[in-house]
Amino acid sequence: MNAPDIHSLVPHSGAMSLLDRFVAADEDNLTAQVTIRPDTMFLVDGAVGAWVGVEYMAQAVAAHAGYAATRRGEPVRVGFLLGTRRYACAVPAFALGSVLTVHVHRALQGENGLGAFDCRIEDIGEDGGVREVATATITVFQPDNVEEFLQRSAE
């Protein structure tokens, strides 16, 4: 199977689609990459703040859901980031030129659309060495019908 375009798996568009490429996926895991370039969203003074790592993880989780949906022949659907537990980052920022590999593993998935993913980000150094730079557990919610859910929430 050819690797899908990461942008087709994540319901973000334009500059807010932060991941660059799909690497691999299976039923419970997805790996994606992002390279920090001069035009990378949130780049300030040659680096992207470590706090953006949470969004890289969340978008990789969304890509996992999109990957699963496309394998079932269904459209990619919107989901919601509910929270982040134990986000730890070994660096204050991701430097220009960094190649970050984002790994997500589905630890829990409820019938009600709630899920939890163990996530980590690795930085591939200039010497080719890999170093884990961030970890977290991301909790998400993907309702069956987003429009209906949002309508009920507004009432």
N, C-alpha and C. Protein backbone atom coordinates (compact mmCIF):
# COMPACT_ATOMS: atom_id res chain seq x y z
N MET A 1 0.83 -1.18 0.00
CA MET A 1 0.00 0.00 0.00
C MET A 1 0.88 1.24 0.00
N ASN A 2 0.53 2.21 -0.82
CA ASN A 2 1.25 3.48 -0.82
C ASN A 2 0.91 4.26 0.43
N ALA A 3 1.89 4.99 0.95
CA ALA A 3 1.66 5.82 2.13
C ALA A 3 0.71 6.95 1.77
N PRO A 4 -0.33 7.17 2.58
CA PRO A 4 -1.25 8.26 2.29
C PRO A 4 -0.62 9.62 2.57
N ASP A 5 -1.15 10.64 1.94
CA ASP A 5 -0.75 12.02 2.23
C ASP A 5 -1.27 12.35 3.63
N ILE A 6 -0.40 12.75 4.53
CA ILE A 6 -0.79 13.04 5.91
C ILE A 6 -1.90 14.08 5.96
N HIS A 7 -1.91 15.03 5.02
CA HIS A 7 -2.91 16.09 5.02
C HIS A 7 -4.31 15.56 4.71
N SER A 8 -4.39 14.42 4.05
CA SER A 8 -5.70 13.82 3.76
C SER A 8 -6.27 13.09 4.97
N LEU A 9 -5.46 12.87 6.00
CA LEU A 9 -5.89 12.13 7.18
C LEU A 9 -6.28 13.03 8.35
N VAL A 10 -5.87 14.28 8.30
CA VAL A 10 -6.09 15.21 9.41
C VAL A 10 -7.08 16.28 8.96
N PRO A 11 -8.15 16.51 9.72
CA PRO A 11 -9.15 17.50 9.30
C PRO A 11 -8.75 18.95 9.59
N HIS A 12 -7.48 19.27 9.40
CA HIS A 12 -6.97 20.64 9.50
C HIS A 12 -6.61 21.07 8.08
N SER A 13 -6.52 22.35 7.87
CA SER A 13 -6.14 22.80 6.53
C SER A 13 -5.17 23.97 6.63
N GLY A 14 -4.55 24.25 5.50
CA GLY A 14 -3.63 25.37 5.41
C GLY A 14 -2.50 25.28 6.40
N ALA A 15 -2.15 26.43 6.95
CA ALA A 15 -1.00 26.52 7.85
C ALA A 15 -1.19 25.73 9.14
N MET A 16 -2.43 25.44 9.53
CA MET A 16 -2.65 24.70 10.77
C MET A 16 -2.51 23.19 10.60
N SER A 17 -2.25 22.72 9.41
CA SER A 17 -1.93 21.31 9.20
C SER A 17 -0.42 21.19 9.42
N LEU A 18 -0.02 20.79 10.61
CA LEU A 18 1.37 20.93 11.04
C LEU A 18 2.28 19.76 10.70
N LEU A 19 1.74 18.58 10.49
CA LEU A 19 2.58 17.41 10.20
C LEU A 19 2.96 17.39 8.73
N ASP A 20 4.15 16.90 8.43
CA ASP A 20 4.64 16.87 7.05
C ASP A 20 4.38 15.56 6.32
N ARG A 21 4.54 14.46 7.04
CA ARG A 21 4.44 13.18 6.32
C ARG A 21 4.03 12.03 7.23
N PHE A 22 3.31 11.12 6.60
CA PHE A 22 2.91 9.85 7.18
C PHE A 22 4.11 8.91 7.07
N VAL A 23 4.42 8.19 8.14
CA VAL A 23 5.51 7.23 8.11
C VAL A 23 4.95 5.80 8.12
N ALA A 24 4.10 5.50 9.10
CA ALA A 24 3.55 4.14 9.23
C ALA A 24 2.35 4.17 10.16
N ALA A 25 1.50 3.14 10.03
CA ALA A 25 0.35 3.02 10.93
C ALA A 25 -0.14 1.59 10.94
N ASP A 26 -0.82 1.25 12.02
CA ASP A 26 -1.56 -0.01 12.11
C ASP A 26 -2.78 0.27 12.97
N GLU A 27 -3.43 -0.77 13.43
CA GLU A 27 -4.68 -0.61 14.17
C GLU A 27 -4.56 0.29 15.40
N ASP A 28 -3.44 0.23 16.08
CA ASP A 28 -3.28 0.98 17.34
C ASP A 28 -2.20 2.04 17.33
N ASN A 29 -1.45 2.19 16.25
CA ASN A 29 -0.29 3.08 16.24
C ASN A 29 -0.23 3.91 14.96
N LEU A 30 0.38 5.07 15.08
CA LEU A 30 0.70 5.87 13.90
C LEU A 30 2.00 6.61 14.18
N THR A 31 2.80 6.73 13.13
CA THR A 31 4.04 7.51 13.19
C THR A 31 4.01 8.52 12.06
N ALA A 32 4.32 9.77 12.40
CA ALA A 32 4.38 10.85 11.42
C ALA A 32 5.64 11.67 11.68
N GLN A 33 5.97 12.53 10.74
CA GLN A 33 7.13 13.40 10.92
C GLN A 33 6.79 14.85 10.58
N VAL A 34 7.55 15.72 11.20
CA VAL A 34 7.51 17.15 10.89
C VAL A 34 8.95 17.65 10.93
N THR A 35 9.30 18.43 9.92
CA THR A 35 10.62 19.06 9.87
C THR A 35 10.43 20.54 10.16
N ILE A 36 11.22 21.07 11.06
CA ILE A 36 11.12 22.48 11.42
C ILE A 36 11.88 23.28 10.36
N ARG A 37 11.11 24.03 9.56
CA ARG A 37 11.65 24.81 8.45
C ARG A 37 11.43 26.31 8.71
N PRO A 38 12.03 27.17 7.90
CA PRO A 38 11.84 28.61 8.10
C PRO A 38 10.38 29.06 8.00
N ASP A 39 9.54 28.31 7.27
CA ASP A 39 8.14 28.70 7.13
C ASP A 39 7.21 27.91 8.06
N THR A 40 7.77 27.16 9.01
CA THR A 40 6.97 26.37 9.94
C THR A 40 6.14 27.28 10.83
N MET A 41 4.86 26.91 10.97
CA MET A 41 3.97 27.67 11.85
C MET A 41 4.53 27.67 13.26
N PHE A 42 4.45 28.79 13.93
CA PHE A 42 4.91 29.00 15.31
C PHE A 42 6.42 29.15 15.45
N LEU A 43 7.16 29.23 14.34
CA LEU A 43 8.61 29.44 14.43
C LEU A 43 8.88 30.88 14.86
N VAL A 44 9.64 31.03 15.93
CA VAL A 44 10.02 32.35 16.45
C VAL A 44 11.49 32.28 16.82
N ASP A 45 12.28 33.20 16.30
CA ASP A 45 13.70 33.26 16.60
C ASP A 45 14.41 31.91 16.38
N GLY A 46 14.07 31.26 15.29
CA GLY A 46 14.76 30.03 14.91
C GLY A 46 14.33 28.76 15.61
N ALA A 47 13.19 28.80 16.31
CA ALA A 47 12.73 27.60 17.01
C ALA A 47 11.23 27.64 17.22
N VAL A 48 10.66 26.47 17.40
CA VAL A 48 9.24 26.32 17.73
C VAL A 48 9.17 25.93 19.19
N GLY A 49 8.41 26.68 19.97
CA GLY A 49 8.28 26.39 21.40
C GLY A 49 7.86 24.96 21.67
N ALA A 50 8.39 24.40 22.73
CA ALA A 50 8.11 23.01 23.08
C ALA A 50 6.62 22.76 23.30
N TRP A 51 5.87 23.78 23.68
CA TRP A 51 4.43 23.64 23.90
C TRP A 51 3.70 23.18 22.64
N VAL A 52 4.26 23.44 21.45
CA VAL A 52 3.63 23.03 20.19
C VAL A 52 3.68 21.50 20.04
N GLY A 53 4.55 20.86 20.79
CA GLY A 53 4.61 19.40 20.76
C GLY A 53 3.28 18.75 21.08
N VAL A 54 2.49 19.37 21.96
CA VAL A 54 1.16 18.84 22.26
C VAL A 54 0.30 18.82 21.00
N GLU A 55 0.38 19.86 20.20
CA GLU A 55 -0.41 19.91 18.96
C GLU A 55 0.12 18.92 17.93
N TYR A 56 1.42 18.72 17.86
CA TYR A 56 1.96 17.69 16.97
C TYR A 56 1.40 16.32 17.36
N MET A 57 1.37 16.05 18.65
CA MET A 57 0.82 14.79 19.13
C MET A 57 -0.67 14.68 18.80
N ALA A 58 -1.42 15.74 19.08
CA ALA A 58 -2.86 15.73 18.82
C ALA A 58 -3.16 15.52 17.34
N GLN A 59 -2.38 16.15 16.46
CA GLN A 59 -2.61 15.95 15.04
C GLN A 59 -2.23 14.54 14.60
N ALA A 60 -1.24 13.94 15.24
CA ALA A 60 -0.90 12.55 14.92
C ALA A 60 -2.03 11.62 15.37
N VAL A 61 -2.66 11.92 16.51
CA VAL A 61 -3.83 11.15 16.95
C VAL A 61 -4.95 11.32 15.93
N ALA A 62 -5.17 12.54 15.46
CA ALA A 62 -6.20 12.78 14.43
C ALA A 62 -5.87 12.01 13.16
N ALA A 63 -4.60 11.97 12.79
CA ALA A 63 -4.19 11.21 11.61
C ALA A 63 -4.46 9.73 11.79
N HIS A 64 -4.27 9.22 13.01
CA HIS A 64 -4.58 7.82 13.28
C HIS A 64 -6.07 7.56 13.05
N ALA A 65 -6.92 8.44 13.56
CA ALA A 65 -8.37 8.28 13.36
C ALA A 65 -8.71 8.38 11.88
N GLY A 66 -8.07 9.32 11.17
CA GLY A 66 -8.29 9.46 9.73
C GLY A 66 -7.83 8.25 8.96
N TYR A 67 -6.72 7.68 9.36
CA TYR A 67 -6.19 6.47 8.72
C TYR A 67 -7.18 5.32 8.90
N ALA A 68 -7.66 5.14 10.13
CA ALA A 68 -8.62 4.07 10.40
C ALA A 68 -9.90 4.28 9.61
N ALA A 69 -10.38 5.52 9.53
CA ALA A 69 -11.61 5.81 8.77
C ALA A 69 -11.44 5.49 7.29
N THR A 70 -10.33 5.91 6.71
CA THR A 70 -10.13 5.66 5.28
C THR A 70 -9.98 4.17 5.00
N ARG A 71 -9.40 3.43 5.92
CA ARG A 71 -9.29 1.97 5.74
C ARG A 71 -10.66 1.31 5.77
N ARG A 72 -11.61 1.92 6.49
CA ARG A 72 -12.98 1.40 6.54
C ARG A 72 -13.83 1.95 5.41
N GLY A 73 -13.25 2.84 4.58
CA GLY A 73 -14.01 3.46 3.49
C GLY A 73 -14.91 4.59 3.94
N GLU A 74 -14.61 5.17 5.10
CA GLU A 74 -15.41 6.26 5.67
C GLU A 74 -14.65 7.58 5.52
N PRO A 75 -15.37 8.68 5.60
CA PRO A 75 -14.69 9.98 5.53
C PRO A 75 -13.94 10.30 6.83
N VAL A 76 -12.95 11.14 6.72
CA VAL A 76 -12.21 11.63 7.89
C VAL A 76 -13.15 12.56 8.65
N ARG A 77 -13.22 12.37 9.97
CA ARG A 77 -14.13 13.16 10.80
C ARG A 77 -13.36 14.00 11.82
N VAL A 78 -14.01 15.04 12.27
CA VAL A 78 -13.45 15.93 13.28
C VAL A 78 -13.53 15.25 14.65
N GLY A 79 -12.51 15.49 15.44
CA GLY A 79 -12.50 15.04 16.82
C GLY A 79 -12.06 16.20 17.71
N PHE A 80 -12.04 15.97 19.00
CA PHE A 80 -11.72 17.03 19.95
C PHE A 80 -10.62 16.58 20.91
N LEU A 81 -9.65 17.45 21.12
CA LEU A 81 -8.62 17.23 22.13
C LEU A 81 -9.24 17.60 23.48
N LEU A 82 -9.35 16.64 24.37
CA LEU A 82 -9.93 16.91 25.68
C LEU A 82 -8.89 17.31 26.70
N GLY A 83 -7.72 16.71 26.60
CA GLY A 83 -6.72 17.04 27.59
C GLY A 83 -5.40 16.35 27.33
N THR A 84 -4.42 16.79 28.10
CA THR A 84 -3.07 16.25 28.01
C THR A 84 -2.61 15.97 29.44
N ARG A 85 -2.11 14.78 29.64
CA ARG A 85 -1.59 14.41 30.96
C ARG A 85 -0.09 14.17 30.87
N ARG A 86 0.60 14.68 31.85
CA ARG A 86 2.04 14.43 32.01
C ARG A 86 2.86 14.82 30.77
N TYR A 87 2.56 15.97 30.17
CA TYR A 87 3.42 16.41 29.06
C TYR A 87 4.77 16.77 29.64
N ALA A 88 5.79 16.11 29.15
CA ALA A 88 7.16 16.38 29.58
C ALA A 88 8.00 16.56 28.33
N CYS A 89 8.79 17.61 28.32
CA CYS A 89 9.64 17.89 27.17
C CYS A 89 11.05 18.18 27.66
N ALA A 90 12.01 17.50 27.07
CA ALA A 90 13.41 17.62 27.49
C ALA A 90 14.11 18.84 26.90
N VAL A 91 13.43 19.55 26.00
CA VAL A 91 14.01 20.73 25.36
C VAL A 91 13.04 21.90 25.48
N PRO A 92 13.54 23.14 25.53
CA PRO A 92 12.62 24.28 25.62
C PRO A 92 11.96 24.61 24.28
N ALA A 93 12.57 24.15 23.19
CA ALA A 93 12.06 24.45 21.86
C ALA A 93 12.62 23.44 20.86
N PHE A 94 11.94 23.34 19.71
CA PHE A 94 12.39 22.49 18.62
C PHE A 94 13.11 23.40 17.62
N ALA A 95 14.40 23.19 17.45
CA ALA A 95 15.25 24.07 16.65
C ALA A 95 14.98 23.94 15.15
N LEU A 96 15.23 25.04 14.46
CA LEU A 96 15.16 25.06 13.00
C LEU A 96 16.04 23.92 12.47
N GLY A 97 15.50 23.15 11.54
CA GLY A 97 16.22 22.02 10.97
C GLY A 97 15.95 20.69 11.65
N SER A 98 15.30 20.73 12.82
CA SER A 98 14.99 19.48 13.52
C SER A 98 14.02 18.64 12.71
N VAL A 99 14.24 17.34 12.72
CA VAL A 99 13.30 16.38 12.13
C VAL A 99 12.69 15.63 13.30
N LEU A 100 11.41 15.88 13.54
CA LEU A 100 10.72 15.28 14.68
C LEU A 100 9.85 14.12 14.20
N THR A 101 9.96 13.01 14.88
CA THR A 101 9.12 11.85 14.60
C THR A 101 8.12 11.74 15.74
N VAL A 102 6.85 11.75 15.40
CA VAL A 102 5.77 11.72 16.38
C VAL A 102 5.13 10.34 16.35
N HIS A 103 5.16 9.67 17.50
CA HIS A 103 4.58 8.33 17.63
C HIS A 103 3.36 8.42 18.54
N VAL A 104 2.25 7.81 18.13
CA VAL A 104 1.06 7.73 18.99
C VAL A 104 0.63 6.26 19.07
N HIS A 105 0.21 5.87 20.26
CA HIS A 105 -0.26 4.50 20.50
C HIS A 105 -1.60 4.58 21.24
N ARG A 106 -2.62 3.97 20.64
CA ARG A 106 -3.94 3.97 21.28
C ARG A 106 -3.90 3.04 22.49
N ALA A 107 -4.04 3.64 23.66
CA ALA A 107 -4.02 2.88 24.91
C ALA A 107 -5.41 2.47 25.34
N LEU A 108 -6.42 3.28 24.94
CA LEU A 108 -7.79 3.05 25.37
C LEU A 108 -8.73 3.64 24.33
N GLN A 109 -9.79 2.91 24.00
CA GLN A 109 -10.81 3.43 23.08
C GLN A 109 -12.16 2.95 23.56
N GLY A 110 -13.04 3.88 23.92
CA GLY A 110 -14.37 3.54 24.38
C GLY A 110 -15.38 3.55 23.25
N GLU A 111 -16.46 2.84 23.42
CA GLU A 111 -17.54 2.82 22.44
C GLU A 111 -18.19 4.20 22.31
N ASN A 112 -18.04 5.04 23.33
CA ASN A 112 -18.65 6.36 23.34
C ASN A 112 -17.82 7.43 22.64
N GLY A 113 -16.72 7.05 22.00
CA GLY A 113 -15.88 8.00 21.28
C GLY A 113 -14.72 8.55 22.06
N LEU A 114 -14.62 8.22 23.35
CA LEU A 114 -13.49 8.67 24.16
C LEU A 114 -12.29 7.77 23.92
N GLY A 115 -11.11 8.37 23.87
CA GLY A 115 -9.90 7.60 23.67
C GLY A 115 -8.72 8.23 24.39
N ALA A 116 -7.70 7.42 24.62
CA ALA A 116 -6.47 7.90 25.23
C ALA A 116 -5.30 7.34 24.43
N PHE A 117 -4.32 8.18 24.17
CA PHE A 117 -3.16 7.79 23.38
C PHE A 117 -1.89 8.15 24.13
N ASP A 118 -0.98 7.18 24.20
CA ASP A 118 0.36 7.44 24.72
C ASP A 118 1.19 7.97 23.55
N CYS A 119 1.83 9.10 23.75
CA CYS A 119 2.52 9.78 22.65
C CYS A 119 3.97 10.08 23.02
N ARG A 120 4.80 10.13 22.00
CA ARG A 120 6.18 10.57 22.21
C ARG A 120 6.69 11.23 20.93
N ILE A 121 7.62 12.13 21.13
CA ILE A 121 8.29 12.80 20.01
C ILE A 121 9.77 12.51 20.12
N GLU A 122 10.35 12.10 19.00
CA GLU A 122 11.78 11.87 18.93
C GLU A 122 12.39 12.86 17.95
N ASP A 123 13.60 13.30 18.26
CA ASP A 123 14.33 14.21 17.39
C ASP A 123 15.46 13.42 16.74
N ILE A 124 15.50 13.46 15.42
CA ILE A 124 16.58 12.81 14.70
C ILE A 124 17.69 13.84 14.54
N GLY A 125 18.78 13.64 15.23
CA GLY A 125 19.88 14.60 15.23
C GLY A 125 20.64 14.61 13.91
N GLU A 126 21.47 15.63 13.75
CA GLU A 126 22.29 15.75 12.54
C GLU A 126 23.21 14.56 12.36
N ASP A 127 23.57 13.89 13.47
CA ASP A 127 24.43 12.71 13.40
C ASP A 127 23.64 11.43 13.12
N GLY A 128 22.31 11.56 12.96
CA GLY A 128 21.46 10.40 12.71
C GLY A 128 20.98 9.72 13.97
N GLY A 129 21.45 10.16 15.10
CA GLY A 129 21.00 9.60 16.37
C GLY A 129 19.59 10.05 16.71
N VAL A 130 18.85 9.20 17.39
CA VAL A 130 17.47 9.50 17.77
C VAL A 130 17.41 9.72 19.27
N ARG A 131 16.74 10.81 19.66
CA ARG A 131 16.62 11.15 21.07
C ARG A 131 15.16 11.47 21.38
N GLU A 132 14.59 10.81 22.38
CA GLU A 132 13.23 11.12 22.81
C GLU A 132 13.24 12.50 23.47
N VAL A 133 12.38 13.40 22.97
CA VAL A 133 12.37 14.75 23.52
C VAL A 133 11.06 15.13 24.21
N ALA A 134 9.98 14.38 23.96
CA ALA A 134 8.71 14.73 24.62
C ALA A 134 7.83 13.49 24.74
N THR A 135 7.03 13.47 25.82
CA THR A 135 6.06 12.40 26.05
C THR A 135 4.80 12.99 26.66
N ALA A 136 3.68 12.31 26.45
CA ALA A 136 2.41 12.73 27.06
C ALA A 136 1.37 11.66 26.80
N THR A 137 0.28 11.76 27.54
CA THR A 137 -0.93 11.00 27.24
C THR A 137 -1.97 12.02 26.80
N ILE A 138 -2.53 11.79 25.63
CA ILE A 138 -3.53 12.69 25.04
C ILE A 138 -4.89 12.01 25.14
N THR A 139 -5.88 12.73 25.65
CA THR A 139 -7.25 12.20 25.67
C THR A 139 -8.07 12.96 24.63
N VAL A 140 -8.89 12.19 23.91
CA VAL A 140 -9.64 12.75 22.79
C VAL A 140 -11.08 12.26 22.82
N PHE A 141 -11.92 12.95 22.05
CA PHE A 141 -13.32 12.56 21.89
C PHE A 141 -13.70 12.75 20.43
N GLN A 142 -14.27 11.71 19.84
CA GLN A 142 -14.75 11.80 18.47
C GLN A 142 -16.21 11.33 18.45
N PRO A 143 -17.13 12.31 18.41
CA PRO A 143 -18.55 11.93 18.39
C PRO A 143 -18.93 11.32 17.05
N ASP A 144 -20.00 10.52 17.06
CA ASP A 144 -20.47 9.93 15.81
C ASP A 144 -20.90 11.00 14.82
N ASN A 145 -21.55 12.05 15.33
CA ASN A 145 -22.05 13.12 14.47
C ASN A 145 -21.64 14.46 15.10
N VAL A 146 -20.63 15.10 14.53
CA VAL A 146 -20.08 16.33 15.09
C VAL A 146 -21.11 17.45 15.12
N GLU A 147 -21.86 17.63 14.02
CA GLU A 147 -22.83 18.71 13.96
C GLU A 147 -23.90 18.54 15.03
N GLU A 148 -24.41 17.33 15.19
CA GLU A 148 -25.42 17.06 16.22
C GLU A 148 -24.84 17.30 17.61
N PHE A 149 -23.62 16.85 17.85
CA PHE A 149 -22.97 17.06 19.13
C PHE A 149 -22.82 18.54 19.45
N LEU A 150 -22.36 19.32 18.47
CA LEU A 150 -22.17 20.76 18.69
C LEU A 150 -23.51 21.45 18.90
N GLN A 151 -24.54 21.03 18.20
CA GLN A 151 -25.87 21.61 18.36
C GLN A 151 -26.39 21.35 19.78
N ARG A 152 -26.25 20.12 20.24
CA ARG A 152 -26.69 19.78 21.61
C ARG A 152 -25.88 20.54 22.64
N SER A 153 -24.59 20.73 22.38
CA SER A 153 -23.74 21.45 23.33
C SER A 153 -24.11 22.92 23.42
N ALA A 154 -24.63 23.48 22.32
CA ALA A 154 -25.00 24.90 22.30
C ALA A 154 -26.34 25.16 22.99
N GLU A 155 -27.13 24.14 23.15
CA GLU A 155 -28.48 24.32 23.75
C GLU A 155 -28.42 24.45 25.24
